[in-house]
């Protein structure tokens, strides 16, 4: 029997490029690194348990190193190409939605944004042609940015929607309770409405951070009306949030290893409780990698984690893969 054809709906380019590729790009561009040894470099850009105790410490690795190294048209083209090829070769991922923020790859406007985006599309097109897979790009808005910068990202996504940029995401930590409130979430309402009218699909990071409740998930669903939600695990502790997710048919992009590594959950048992609660309440879920190299994982390992720990049966996992294909931003052909 052939292995399953997998799909990854939630994978950040900042955490998905192999260390040896980043090492090569850094040296090719004359990037000054704080280490001289390759294996020290691997340690630098990997989210090992002794370095990562929260989502913030995980994101710091991406912002401090991988995003900077990927900041040129040549680097971004190679990065996109390598991620798609590697995911297919390692885990038979035949459909992938790769997300990143192009503006965080243009060195604070020193580089032309359209050149960065065009390079990413070239890398994607090349990988799709070589591996006969389906792929698209999702542009990430940033919670730490003002509306002007985020609106630029939405306009760029709409501009390139016929070239494979199929959606937008809102990423970044919900650092405090204020960011979970409906009136704060509402500041993105016009941007998301504009994106939808421009032909884009939408997803939002929310309900990921331990210590926050489901308030953010509810506000996001009601105000931003996303097709999917990245993580959303805190909703498992709120019946009204799960009822809303089911009624609005919003699909969750769960990332098992990521949630374990960033301490979003206490351990496998809590993750099992979350997954089974969603399943029992009829909330549709998918499993994804988030950042395979940063987290030392891939789609095969994510599925194995779920099945080996008897979180779901193989038949139930097959259903999550079917949901992933049904709710992918990539149109079926």
C-alpha atoms as a PDB file:
ATOM      1  CA  UNK A   1       0.000   0.000   0.000  1.00  0.00           C
ATOM      2  CA  UNK A   2       1.300   3.449  -0.911  1.00  0.00           C
ATOM      3  CA  UNK A   3       1.741   5.902   1.979  1.00  0.00           C
ATOM      4  CA  UNK A   4      -0.878   8.588   2.448  1.00  0.00           C
ATOM      5  CA  UNK A   5      -0.621  11.727   0.371  1.00  0.00           C
ATOM      6  CA  UNK A   6      -0.436  14.419   3.039  1.00  0.00           C
ATOM      7  CA  UNK A   7      -1.399  18.087   3.045  1.00  0.00           C
ATOM      8  CA  UNK A   8       0.075  20.882   5.163  1.00  0.00           C
ATOM      9  CA  UNK A   9      -2.152  23.941   5.582  1.00  0.00           C
ATOM     10  CA  UNK A  10      -0.091  25.676   8.256  1.00  0.00           C
ATOM     11  CA  UNK A  11       3.626  25.961   7.605  1.00  0.00           C
ATOM     12  CA  UNK A  12       5.736  29.105   8.088  1.00  0.00           C
ATOM     13  CA  UNK A  13       8.671  29.587   5.764  1.00  0.00           C
ATOM     14  CA  UNK A  14      10.673  31.086   8.626  1.00  0.00           C
ATOM     15  CA  UNK A  15      10.686  27.702  10.350  1.00  0.00           C
ATOM     16  CA  UNK A  16      10.687  25.391   7.351  1.00  0.00           C
ATOM     17  CA  UNK A  17      14.016  25.860   5.522  1.00  0.00           C
ATOM     18  CA  UNK A  18      16.703  23.268   6.254  1.00  0.00           C
ATOM     19  CA  UNK A  19      19.703  24.490   8.274  1.00  0.00           C
ATOM     20  CA  UNK A  20      22.179  23.542   5.550  1.00  0.00           C
ATOM     21  CA  UNK A  21      20.204  25.631   3.050  1.00  0.00           C
ATOM     22  CA  UNK A  22      20.136  28.629   5.392  1.00  0.00           C
ATOM     23  CA  UNK A  23      23.867  28.145   6.061  1.00  0.00           C
ATOM     24  CA  UNK A  24      24.526  28.150   2.336  1.00  0.00           C
ATOM     25  CA  UNK A  25      22.366  31.220   1.714  1.00  0.00           C
ATOM     26  CA  UNK A  26      23.973  33.116   4.583  1.00  0.00           C
ATOM     27  CA  UNK A  27      27.483  32.500   3.235  1.00  0.00           C
ATOM     28  CA  UNK A  28      26.448  33.181  -0.350  1.00  0.00           C
ATOM     29  CA  UNK A  29      25.148  36.593   0.694  1.00  0.00           C
ATOM     30  CA  UNK A  30      28.044  37.383   3.005  1.00  0.00           C
ATOM     31  CA  UNK A  31      25.728  37.429   5.997  1.00  0.00           C
ATOM     32  CA  UNK A  32      27.599  37.906   9.272  1.00  0.00           C
ATOM     33  CA  UNK A  33      26.755  35.080  11.662  1.00  0.00           C
ATOM     34  CA  UNK A  34      27.496  34.921  15.409  1.00  0.00           C
ATOM     35  CA  UNK A  35      28.927  31.397  15.016  1.00  0.00           C
ATOM     36  CA  UNK A  36      31.655  29.926  12.788  1.00  0.00           C
ATOM     37  CA  UNK A  37      30.747  26.252  13.056  1.00  0.00           C
ATOM     38  CA  UNK A  38      27.851  24.723  11.104  1.00  0.00           C
ATOM     39  CA  UNK A  39      26.641  22.576  14.005  1.00  0.00           C
ATOM     40  CA  UNK A  40      26.590  25.610  16.285  1.00  0.00           C
ATOM     41  CA  UNK A  41      24.496  27.307  13.614  1.00  0.00           C
ATOM     42  CA  UNK A  42      22.017  24.394  13.622  1.00  0.00           C
ATOM     43  CA  UNK A  43      21.681  24.786  17.374  1.00  0.00           C
ATOM     44  CA  UNK A  44      21.186  28.538  16.931  1.00  0.00           C
ATOM     45  CA  UNK A  45      18.172  28.171  14.634  1.00  0.00           C
ATOM     46  CA  UNK A  46      16.511  25.112  16.191  1.00  0.00           C
ATOM     47  CA  UNK A  47      13.833  25.350  18.858  1.00  0.00           C
ATOM     48  CA  UNK A  48      15.381  22.916  21.313  1.00  0.00           C
ATOM     49  CA  UNK A  49      13.499  22.424  24.611  1.00  0.00           C
ATOM     50  CA  UNK A  50      16.234  24.136  26.621  1.00  0.00           C
ATOM     51  CA  UNK A  51      15.796  27.333  24.576  1.00  0.00           C
ATOM     52  CA  UNK A  52      12.044  27.434  24.012  1.00  0.00           C
ATOM     53  CA  UNK A  53       9.658  27.758  26.925  1.00  0.00           C
ATOM     54  CA  UNK A  54       6.958  29.856  25.262  1.00  0.00           C
ATOM     55  CA  UNK A  55       5.606  31.035  21.934  1.00  0.00           C
ATOM     56  CA  UNK A  56       7.569  34.277  22.282  1.00  0.00           C
ATOM     57  CA  UNK A  57      10.916  32.497  22.605  1.00  0.00           C
ATOM     58  CA  UNK A  58      10.019  30.325  19.613  1.00  0.00           C
ATOM     59  CA  UNK A  59       9.155  33.339  17.445  1.00  0.00           C
ATOM     60  CA  UNK A  60      12.319  35.134  18.523  1.00  0.00           C
ATOM     61  CA  UNK A  61      14.451  32.536  16.714  1.00  0.00           C
ATOM     62  CA  UNK A  62      12.558  33.167  13.479  1.00  0.00           C
ATOM     63  CA  UNK A  63      12.638  36.952  13.734  1.00  0.00           C
ATOM     64  CA  UNK A  64      16.274  37.133  14.828  1.00  0.00           C
ATOM     65  CA  UNK A  65      17.806  34.738  12.313  1.00  0.00           C
ATOM     66  CA  UNK A  66      15.804  32.843   9.706  1.00  0.00           C
ATOM     67  CA  UNK A  67      13.801  35.813   8.416  1.00  0.00           C
ATOM     68  CA  UNK A  68      16.962  37.902   8.060  1.00  0.00           C
ATOM     69  CA  UNK A  69      18.845  35.190   6.184  1.00  0.00           C
ATOM     70  CA  UNK A  70      15.901  34.787   3.793  1.00  0.00           C
ATOM     71  CA  UNK A  71      15.869  38.523   3.035  1.00  0.00           C
ATOM     72  CA  UNK A  72      16.711  38.819  -0.655  1.00  0.00           C
ATOM     73  CA  UNK A  73      14.999  37.768  -3.898  1.00  0.00           C
ATOM     74  CA  UNK A  74      17.553  35.002  -4.477  1.00  0.00           C
ATOM     75  CA  UNK A  75      17.218  33.743  -0.899  1.00  0.00           C
ATOM     76  CA  UNK A  76      13.440  33.757  -0.943  1.00  0.00           C
ATOM     77  CA  UNK A  77      13.221  31.959  -4.283  1.00  0.00           C
ATOM     78  CA  UNK A  78      15.523  29.208  -3.096  1.00  0.00           C
ATOM     79  CA  UNK A  79      13.790  28.964   0.267  1.00  0.00           C
ATOM     80  CA  UNK A  80      10.320  28.457  -1.207  1.00  0.00           C
ATOM     81  CA  UNK A  81      11.609  25.937  -3.724  1.00  0.00           C
ATOM     82  CA  UNK A  82      13.512  23.955  -1.075  1.00  0.00           C
ATOM     83  CA  UNK A  83      10.599  23.848   1.404  1.00  0.00           C
ATOM     84  CA  UNK A  84       8.105  22.437  -1.084  1.00  0.00           C
ATOM     85  CA  UNK A  85      10.566  19.871  -2.432  1.00  0.00           C
ATOM     86  CA  UNK A  86      11.679  18.754   1.009  1.00  0.00           C
ATOM     87  CA  UNK A  87       8.138  18.339   2.321  1.00  0.00           C
ATOM     88  CA  UNK A  88       7.253  16.164  -0.657  1.00  0.00           C
ATOM     89  CA  UNK A  89      10.412  14.038  -0.435  1.00  0.00           C
ATOM     90  CA  UNK A  90      10.268  13.534   3.339  1.00  0.00           C
ATOM     91  CA  UNK A  91       6.541  13.087   3.902  1.00  0.00           C
ATOM     92  CA  UNK A  92       4.824  12.849   0.528  1.00  0.00           C
ATOM     93  CA  UNK A  93       3.147  16.226   1.082  1.00  0.00           C
ATOM     94  CA  UNK A  94       1.365  16.719  -2.230  1.00  0.00           C
ATOM     95  CA  UNK A  95      -0.454  19.912  -1.275  1.00  0.00           C
ATOM     96  CA  UNK A  96       1.113  22.722   0.719  1.00  0.00           C
ATOM     97  CA  UNK A  97       0.095  26.228   1.717  1.00  0.00           C
ATOM     98  CA  UNK A  98       3.261  28.119   2.605  1.00  0.00           C
ATOM     99  CA  UNK A  99       2.892  31.315   4.599  1.00  0.00           C
ATOM    100  CA  UNK A 100       5.286  34.166   5.213  1.00  0.00           C
ATOM    101  CA  UNK A 101       5.480  37.940   5.484  1.00  0.00           C
ATOM    102  CA  UNK A 102       7.244  39.397   2.418  1.00  0.00           C
ATOM    103  CA  UNK A 103       7.762  42.726   4.152  1.00  0.00           C
ATOM    104  CA  UNK A 104       9.847  41.008   6.833  1.00  0.00           C
ATOM    105  CA  UNK A 105      12.118  39.820   3.999  1.00  0.00           C
ATOM    106  CA  UNK A 106      12.822  43.227   2.437  1.00  0.00           C
ATOM    107  CA  UNK A 107      15.221  44.549   5.094  1.00  0.00           C
ATOM    108  CA  UNK A 108      12.978  47.362   6.342  1.00  0.00           C
ATOM    109  CA  UNK A 109      12.139  48.579   2.807  1.00  0.00           C
ATOM    110  CA  UNK A 110      15.722  48.477   1.553  1.00  0.00           C
ATOM    111  CA  UNK A 111      14.597  45.895  -1.025  1.00  0.00           C
ATOM    112  CA  UNK A 112      11.702  46.147  -3.459  1.00  0.00           C
ATOM    113  CA  UNK A 113       8.694  44.242  -2.117  1.00  0.00           C
ATOM    114  CA  UNK A 114       7.450  43.152  -5.533  1.00  0.00           C
ATOM    115  CA  UNK A 115      10.836  41.598  -6.303  1.00  0.00           C
ATOM    116  CA  UNK A 116      10.610  39.574  -3.075  1.00  0.00           C
ATOM    117  CA  UNK A 117       7.087  38.381  -3.925  1.00  0.00           C
ATOM    118  CA  UNK A 118       7.938  37.563  -7.538  1.00  0.00           C
ATOM    119  CA  UNK A 119      10.944  35.561  -6.379  1.00  0.00           C
ATOM    120  CA  UNK A 120       8.754  33.548  -4.002  1.00  0.00           C
ATOM    121  CA  UNK A 121       6.346  32.782  -6.826  1.00  0.00           C
ATOM    122  CA  UNK A 122       9.218  31.671  -9.082  1.00  0.00           C
ATOM    123  CA  UNK A 123      10.446  29.286  -6.398  1.00  0.00           C
ATOM    124  CA  UNK A 124       6.955  27.884  -5.927  1.00  0.00           C
ATOM    125  CA  UNK A 125       6.342  27.466  -9.654  1.00  0.00           C
ATOM    126  CA  UNK A 126       9.615  25.616 -10.101  1.00  0.00           C
ATOM    127  CA  UNK A 127       8.910  23.215  -7.220  1.00  0.00           C
ATOM    128  CA  UNK A 128       5.346  22.553  -8.396  1.00  0.00           C
ATOM    129  CA  UNK A 129       6.621  21.762 -11.870  1.00  0.00           C
ATOM    130  CA  UNK A 130       9.380  19.428 -10.674  1.00  0.00           C
ATOM    131  CA  UNK A 131       7.424  17.513  -8.025  1.00  0.00           C
ATOM    132  CA  UNK A 132       3.929  17.620  -9.554  1.00  0.00           C
ATOM    133  CA  UNK A 133       2.385  18.951  -6.347  1.00  0.00           C
ATOM    134  CA  UNK A 134      -0.100  21.706  -5.551  1.00  0.00           C
ATOM    135  CA  UNK A 135       1.021  24.789  -3.650  1.00  0.00           C
ATOM    136  CA  UNK A 136       0.027  28.326  -2.818  1.00  0.00           C
ATOM    137  CA  UNK A 137       1.307  31.241  -0.766  1.00  0.00           C
ATOM    138  CA  UNK A 138      -0.397  32.963   2.170  1.00  0.00           C
ATOM    139  CA  UNK A 139       0.766  36.430   3.222  1.00  0.00           C
ATOM    140  CA  UNK A 140       0.957  37.065   6.967  1.00  0.00           C
ATOM    141  CA  UNK A 141      -0.197  40.328   8.467  1.00  0.00           C
ATOM    142  CA  UNK A 142       1.440  41.214  11.780  1.00  0.00           C
ATOM    143  CA  UNK A 143      -0.316  42.072  15.037  1.00  0.00           C
ATOM    144  CA  UNK A 144       2.597  44.322  16.010  1.00  0.00           C
ATOM    145  CA  UNK A 145       2.175  46.464  12.888  1.00  0.00           C
ATOM    146  CA  UNK A 146      -0.091  49.449  12.274  1.00  0.00           C
ATOM    147  CA  UNK A 147      -2.937  49.305   9.774  1.00  0.00           C
ATOM    148  CA  UNK A 148      -0.921  51.067   7.061  1.00  0.00           C
ATOM    149  CA  UNK A 149       1.695  48.298   6.808  1.00  0.00           C
ATOM    150  CA  UNK A 150      -0.897  45.531   7.063  1.00  0.00           C
ATOM    151  CA  UNK A 151      -3.017  47.169   4.359  1.00  0.00           C
ATOM    152  CA  UNK A 152       0.006  47.112   2.037  1.00  0.00           C
ATOM    153  CA  UNK A 153       0.293  43.365   2.559  1.00  0.00           C
ATOM    154  CA  UNK A 154      -3.399  42.873   1.732  1.00  0.00           C
ATOM    155  CA  UNK A 155      -3.060  44.934  -1.456  1.00  0.00           C
ATOM    156  CA  UNK A 156      -0.001  42.923  -2.530  1.00  0.00           C
ATOM    157  CA  UNK A 157      -1.831  39.653  -1.867  1.00  0.00           C
ATOM    158  CA  UNK A 158      -4.755  40.798  -4.011  1.00  0.00           C
ATOM    159  CA  UNK A 159      -2.356  41.955  -6.746  1.00  0.00           C
ATOM    160  CA  UNK A 160      -0.782  38.504  -6.967  1.00  0.00           C
ATOM    161  CA  UNK A 161      -3.899  36.391  -6.335  1.00  0.00           C
ATOM    162  CA  UNK A 162      -3.797  35.018  -9.882  1.00  0.00           C
ATOM    163  CA  UNK A 163      -0.139  34.064  -9.466  1.00  0.00           C
ATOM    164  CA  UNK A 164      -0.650  31.736  -6.505  1.00  0.00           C
ATOM    165  CA  UNK A 165      -1.107  34.053  -3.500  1.00  0.00           C
ATOM    166  CA  UNK A 166      -4.456  32.734  -2.314  1.00  0.00           C
ATOM    167  CA  UNK A 167      -4.896  34.028   1.212  1.00  0.00           C
ATOM    168  CA  UNK A 168      -3.911  36.230   4.128  1.00  0.00           C
ATOM    169  CA  UNK A 169      -3.173  35.356   7.732  1.00  0.00           C
ATOM    170  CA  UNK A 170      -2.955  37.429  10.910  1.00  0.00           C
ATOM    171  CA  UNK A 171       0.046  36.237  12.917  1.00  0.00           C
ATOM    172  CA  UNK A 172       1.878  37.164  16.096  1.00  0.00           C
ATOM    173  CA  UNK A 173       1.236  36.577  19.768  1.00  0.00           C
ATOM    174  CA  UNK A 174      -1.880  37.686  21.580  1.00  0.00           C
ATOM    175  CA  UNK A 175       0.418  39.167  24.175  1.00  0.00           C
ATOM    176  CA  UNK A 176      -2.210  40.379  26.598  1.00  0.00           C
ATOM    177  CA  UNK A 177      -5.906  40.123  27.362  1.00  0.00           C
ATOM    178  CA  UNK A 178      -6.594  43.413  25.580  1.00  0.00           C
ATOM    179  CA  UNK A 179      -5.729  41.869  22.208  1.00  0.00           C
ATOM    180  CA  UNK A 180      -8.445  39.247  22.701  1.00  0.00           C
ATOM    181  CA  UNK A 181     -11.249  41.789  23.048  1.00  0.00           C
ATOM    182  CA  UNK A 182     -13.739  42.305  20.202  1.00  0.00           C
ATOM    183  CA  UNK A 183     -13.043  46.041  19.969  1.00  0.00           C
ATOM    184  CA  UNK A 184      -9.335  45.368  19.383  1.00  0.00           C
ATOM    185  CA  UNK A 185      -9.943  42.529  16.924  1.00  0.00           C
ATOM    186  CA  UNK A 186     -12.300  44.895  15.065  1.00  0.00           C
ATOM    187  CA  UNK A 187      -9.348  47.002  13.875  1.00  0.00           C
ATOM    188  CA  UNK A 188      -8.649  44.275  11.282  1.00  0.00           C
ATOM    189  CA  UNK A 189     -12.283  43.943  10.180  1.00  0.00           C
ATOM    190  CA  UNK A 190     -12.038  46.240   7.137  1.00  0.00           C
ATOM    191  CA  UNK A 191      -8.774  44.623   6.004  1.00  0.00           C
ATOM    192  CA  UNK A 192     -10.292  41.146   6.064  1.00  0.00           C
ATOM    193  CA  UNK A 193     -13.444  42.300   4.302  1.00  0.00           C
ATOM    194  CA  UNK A 194     -11.317  43.959   1.620  1.00  0.00           C
ATOM    195  CA  UNK A 195      -9.269  40.765   1.234  1.00  0.00           C
ATOM    196  CA  UNK A 196     -12.424  38.671   0.773  1.00  0.00           C
ATOM    197  CA  UNK A 197     -13.819  41.078  -1.804  1.00  0.00           C
ATOM    198  CA  UNK A 198     -10.451  40.887  -3.556  1.00  0.00           C
ATOM    199  CA  UNK A 199     -10.834  37.133  -3.979  1.00  0.00           C
ATOM    200  CA  UNK A 200      -8.659  35.938  -1.080  1.00  0.00           C
ATOM    201  CA  UNK A 201      -9.292  33.328   1.603  1.00  0.00           C
ATOM    202  CA  UNK A 202      -8.476  34.128   5.224  1.00  0.00           C
ATOM    203  CA  UNK A 203      -7.023  32.490   8.312  1.00  0.00           C
ATOM    204  CA  UNK A 204      -6.036  33.897  11.713  1.00  0.00           C
ATOM    205  CA  UNK A 205      -3.680  32.843  14.510  1.00  0.00           C
ATOM    206  CA  UNK A 206      -5.662  32.869  17.733  1.00  0.00           C
ATOM    207  CA  UNK A 207      -6.279  30.757  20.814  1.00  0.00           C
ATOM    208  CA  UNK A 208      -2.707  29.488  20.760  1.00  0.00           C
ATOM    209  CA  UNK A 209      -1.090  30.960  23.849  1.00  0.00           C
ATOM    210  CA  UNK A 210      -1.417  29.255  27.213  1.00  0.00           C
ATOM    211  CA  UNK A 211      -3.009  31.527  29.767  1.00  0.00           C
ATOM    212  CA  UNK A 212      -5.438  33.095  27.309  1.00  0.00           C
ATOM    213  CA  UNK A 213      -9.014  31.946  27.026  1.00  0.00           C
ATOM    214  CA  UNK A 214     -11.356  31.428  24.115  1.00  0.00           C
ATOM    215  CA  UNK A 215     -12.365  35.095  24.034  1.00  0.00           C
ATOM    216  CA  UNK A 216     -10.003  35.806  21.158  1.00  0.00           C
ATOM    217  CA  UNK A 217     -11.294  32.867  19.119  1.00  0.00           C
ATOM    218  CA  UNK A 218     -14.883  34.056  19.515  1.00  0.00           C
ATOM    219  CA  UNK A 219     -13.984  37.651  18.610  1.00  0.00           C
ATOM    220  CA  UNK A 220     -12.007  36.548  15.536  1.00  0.00           C
ATOM    221  CA  UNK A 221     -14.796  34.316  14.221  1.00  0.00           C
ATOM    222  CA  UNK A 222     -17.477  36.964  14.748  1.00  0.00           C
ATOM    223  CA  UNK A 223     -15.504  40.006  13.541  1.00  0.00           C
ATOM    224  CA  UNK A 224     -13.044  38.709  10.926  1.00  0.00           C
ATOM    225  CA  UNK A 225     -15.072  35.757   9.584  1.00  0.00           C
ATOM    226  CA  UNK A 226     -12.049  33.597   8.678  1.00  0.00           C
ATOM    227  CA  UNK A 227     -12.247  30.394   6.667  1.00  0.00           C
ATOM    228  CA  UNK A 228      -9.828  28.745   9.082  1.00  0.00           C
ATOM    229  CA  UNK A 229      -8.067  29.430  12.370  1.00  0.00           C
ATOM    230  CA  UNK A 230      -4.429  28.731  13.133  1.00  0.00           C
ATOM    231  CA  UNK A 231      -4.242  26.658  16.326  1.00  0.00           C
ATOM    232  CA  UNK A 232      -7.362  27.769  18.248  1.00  0.00           C
ATOM    233  CA  UNK A 233      -6.710  25.207  20.968  1.00  0.00           C
ATOM    234  CA  UNK A 234      -8.061  27.353  23.829  1.00  0.00           C
ATOM    235  CA  UNK A 235     -11.524  27.016  22.283  1.00  0.00           C
ATOM    236  CA  UNK A 236     -11.593  23.420  23.545  1.00  0.00           C
ATOM    237  CA  UNK A 237     -12.226  24.821  27.027  1.00  0.00           C
ATOM    238  CA  UNK A 238     -15.255  26.898  26.039  1.00  0.00           C
ATOM    239  CA  UNK A 239     -18.525  25.357  24.853  1.00  0.00           C
ATOM    240  CA  UNK A 240     -19.788  28.579  23.273  1.00  0.00           C
ATOM    241  CA  UNK A 241     -16.572  28.938  21.239  1.00  0.00           C
ATOM    242  CA  UNK A 242     -16.843  25.368  19.931  1.00  0.00           C
ATOM    243  CA  UNK A 243     -20.524  25.857  19.114  1.00  0.00           C
ATOM    244  CA  UNK A 244     -19.624  28.981  17.118  1.00  0.00           C
ATOM    245  CA  UNK A 245     -16.808  27.218  15.250  1.00  0.00           C
ATOM    246  CA  UNK A 246     -19.144  24.400  14.264  1.00  0.00           C
ATOM    247  CA  UNK A 247     -21.999  26.700  13.248  1.00  0.00           C
ATOM    248  CA  UNK A 248     -19.745  28.940  11.132  1.00  0.00           C
ATOM    249  CA  UNK A 249     -17.912  25.905   9.705  1.00  0.00           C
ATOM    250  CA  UNK A 250     -14.500  27.297  10.636  1.00  0.00           C
ATOM    251  CA  UNK A 251     -11.711  24.715  10.423  1.00  0.00           C
ATOM    252  CA  UNK A 252      -8.820  24.580  12.895  1.00  0.00           C
ATOM    253  CA  UNK A 253      -5.189  24.207  11.800  1.00  0.00           C
ATOM    254  CA  UNK A 254      -3.733  22.253  14.730  1.00  0.00           C
ATOM    255  CA  UNK A 255       0.049  21.882  15.040  1.00  0.00           C
ATOM    256  CA  UNK A 256       0.852  19.129  17.584  1.00  0.00           C
ATOM    257  CA  UNK A 257       4.644  19.398  17.925  1.00  0.00           C
ATOM    258  CA  UNK A 258       4.528  23.186  17.890  1.00  0.00           C
ATOM    259  CA  UNK A 259       1.996  23.323  20.716  1.00  0.00           C
ATOM    260  CA  UNK A 260       4.058  20.863  22.758  1.00  0.00           C
ATOM    261  CA  UNK A 261       7.377  22.649  22.143  1.00  0.00           C
ATOM    262  CA  UNK A 262       6.053  26.144  22.892  1.00  0.00           C
ATOM    263  CA  UNK A 263       4.320  24.897  26.051  1.00  0.00           C
ATOM    264  CA  UNK A 264       0.928  25.918  24.704  1.00  0.00           C
ATOM    265  CA  UNK A 265      -0.181  22.587  26.186  1.00  0.00           C
ATOM    266  CA  UNK A 266       1.220  20.799  29.226  1.00  0.00           C
ATOM    267  CA  UNK A 267       1.898  17.579  27.349  1.00  0.00           C
ATOM    268  CA  UNK A 268       0.482  14.911  25.091  1.00  0.00           C
ATOM    269  CA  UNK A 269      -2.385  14.169  27.485  1.00  0.00           C
ATOM    270  CA  UNK A 270      -3.670  17.736  27.347  1.00  0.00           C
ATOM    271  CA  UNK A 271      -3.305  17.795  23.577  1.00  0.00           C
ATOM    272  CA  UNK A 272      -5.271  14.535  23.426  1.00  0.00           C
ATOM    273  CA  UNK A 273      -8.008  16.089  25.559  1.00  0.00           C
ATOM    274  CA  UNK A 274      -8.176  19.110  23.232  1.00  0.00           C
ATOM    275  CA  UNK A 275      -8.336  17.041  20.046  1.00  0.00           C
ATOM    276  CA  UNK A 276     -10.965  14.640  21.370  1.00  0.00           C
ATOM    277  CA  UNK A 277     -13.062  17.502  22.724  1.00  0.00           C
ATOM    278  CA  UNK A 278     -13.105  19.154  19.305  1.00  0.00           C
ATOM    279  CA  UNK A 279     -13.915  15.836  17.660  1.00  0.00           C
ATOM    280  CA  UNK A 280     -16.797  15.103  20.024  1.00  0.00           C
ATOM    281  CA  UNK A 281     -18.250  18.610  19.517  1.00  0.00           C
ATOM    282  CA  UNK A 282     -18.109  18.360  15.730  1.00  0.00           C
ATOM    283  CA  UNK A 283     -15.396  20.982  15.239  1.00  0.00           C
ATOM    284  CA  UNK A 284     -13.383  20.215  12.113  1.00  0.00           C
ATOM    285  CA  UNK A 285      -9.617  19.910  12.675  1.00  0.00           C
ATOM    286  CA  UNK A 286      -6.482  19.401  10.600  1.00  0.00           C
ATOM    287  CA  UNK A 287      -2.891  18.560  11.570  1.00  0.00           C
ATOM    288  CA  UNK A 288       0.068  20.586  10.330  1.00  0.00           C
ATOM    289  CA  UNK A 289       3.775  21.198  10.939  1.00  0.00           C
ATOM    290  CA  UNK A 290       3.988  24.969  11.660  1.00  0.00           C
ATOM    291  CA  UNK A 291       7.803  25.010  11.344  1.00  0.00           C
ATOM    292  CA  UNK A 292       9.263  21.595  10.479  1.00  0.00           C
ATOM    293  CA  UNK A 293      12.991  22.375  10.682  1.00  0.00           C
ATOM    294  CA  UNK A 294      12.738  24.805  13.557  1.00  0.00           C
ATOM    295  CA  UNK A 295      10.789  22.132  15.467  1.00  0.00           C
ATOM    296  CA  UNK A 296      12.592  19.072  14.039  1.00  0.00           C
ATOM    297  CA  UNK A 297       9.444  17.528  12.616  1.00  0.00           C
ATOM    298  CA  UNK A 298       7.585  16.855   9.360  1.00  0.00           C
ATOM    299  CA  UNK A 299       4.053  15.856   8.388  1.00  0.00           C
ATOM    300  CA  UNK A 300       4.755  12.144   8.763  1.00  0.00           C
ATOM    301  CA  UNK A 301       5.902  12.705  12.345  1.00  0.00           C
ATOM    302  CA  UNK A 302       2.878  14.869  13.122  1.00  0.00           C
ATOM    303  CA  UNK A 303       0.529  12.120  11.957  1.00  0.00           C
ATOM    304  CA  UNK A 304       2.581   9.492  13.819  1.00  0.00           C
ATOM    305  CA  UNK A 305       2.381  11.560  17.017  1.00  0.00           C
ATOM    306  CA  UNK A 306      -1.410  11.551  16.786  1.00  0.00           C
ATOM    307  CA  UNK A 307      -1.746   7.868  15.899  1.00  0.00           C
ATOM    308  CA  UNK A 308       1.013   6.420  18.110  1.00  0.00           C
ATOM    309  CA  UNK A 309      -0.420   8.166  21.169  1.00  0.00           C
ATOM    310  CA  UNK A 310      -3.893   6.934  20.208  1.00  0.00           C
ATOM    311  CA  UNK A 311      -5.205  10.491  20.141  1.00  0.00           C
ATOM    312  CA  UNK A 312      -7.218   9.561  17.047  1.00  0.00           C
ATOM    313  CA  UNK A 313      -7.623   6.333  15.090  1.00  0.00           C
ATOM    314  CA  UNK A 314      -6.121   6.011  11.579  1.00  0.00           C
ATOM    315  CA  UNK A 315      -9.641   6.267  10.171  1.00  0.00           C
ATOM    316  CA  UNK A 316     -10.227   9.520  12.058  1.00  0.00           C
ATOM    317  CA  UNK A 317      -6.865  10.866  10.882  1.00  0.00           C
ATOM    318  CA  UNK A 318      -7.948  10.105   7.314  1.00  0.00           C
ATOM    319  CA  UNK A 319     -11.004  12.256   7.958  1.00  0.00           C
ATOM    320  CA  UNK A 320      -8.810  15.173   9.098  1.00  0.00           C
ATOM    321  CA  UNK A 321      -6.807  14.838   5.877  1.00  0.00           C
ATOM    322  CA  UNK A 322     -10.040  14.900   3.887  1.00  0.00           C
ATOM    323  CA  UNK A 323     -11.061  18.082   5.709  1.00  0.00           C
ATOM    324  CA  UNK A 324      -7.660  19.597   4.936  1.00  0.00           C
ATOM    325  CA  UNK A 325      -8.218  19.033   1.215  1.00  0.00           C
ATOM    326  CA  UNK A 326     -11.821  20.222   1.343  1.00  0.00           C
ATOM    327  CA  UNK A 327     -10.920  23.450   3.152  1.00  0.00           C
ATOM    328  CA  UNK A 328      -7.652  24.145   1.382  1.00  0.00           C
ATOM    329  CA  UNK A 329      -7.404  27.529  -0.302  1.00  0.00           C
ATOM    330  CA  UNK A 330      -6.227  25.695  -3.407  1.00  0.00           C
ATOM    331  CA  UNK A 331      -9.141  24.972  -5.719  1.00  0.00           C
ATOM    332  CA  UNK A 332      -9.873  21.379  -6.594  1.00  0.00           C
ATOM    333  CA  UNK A 333      -9.342  20.382 -10.222  1.00  0.00           C
END
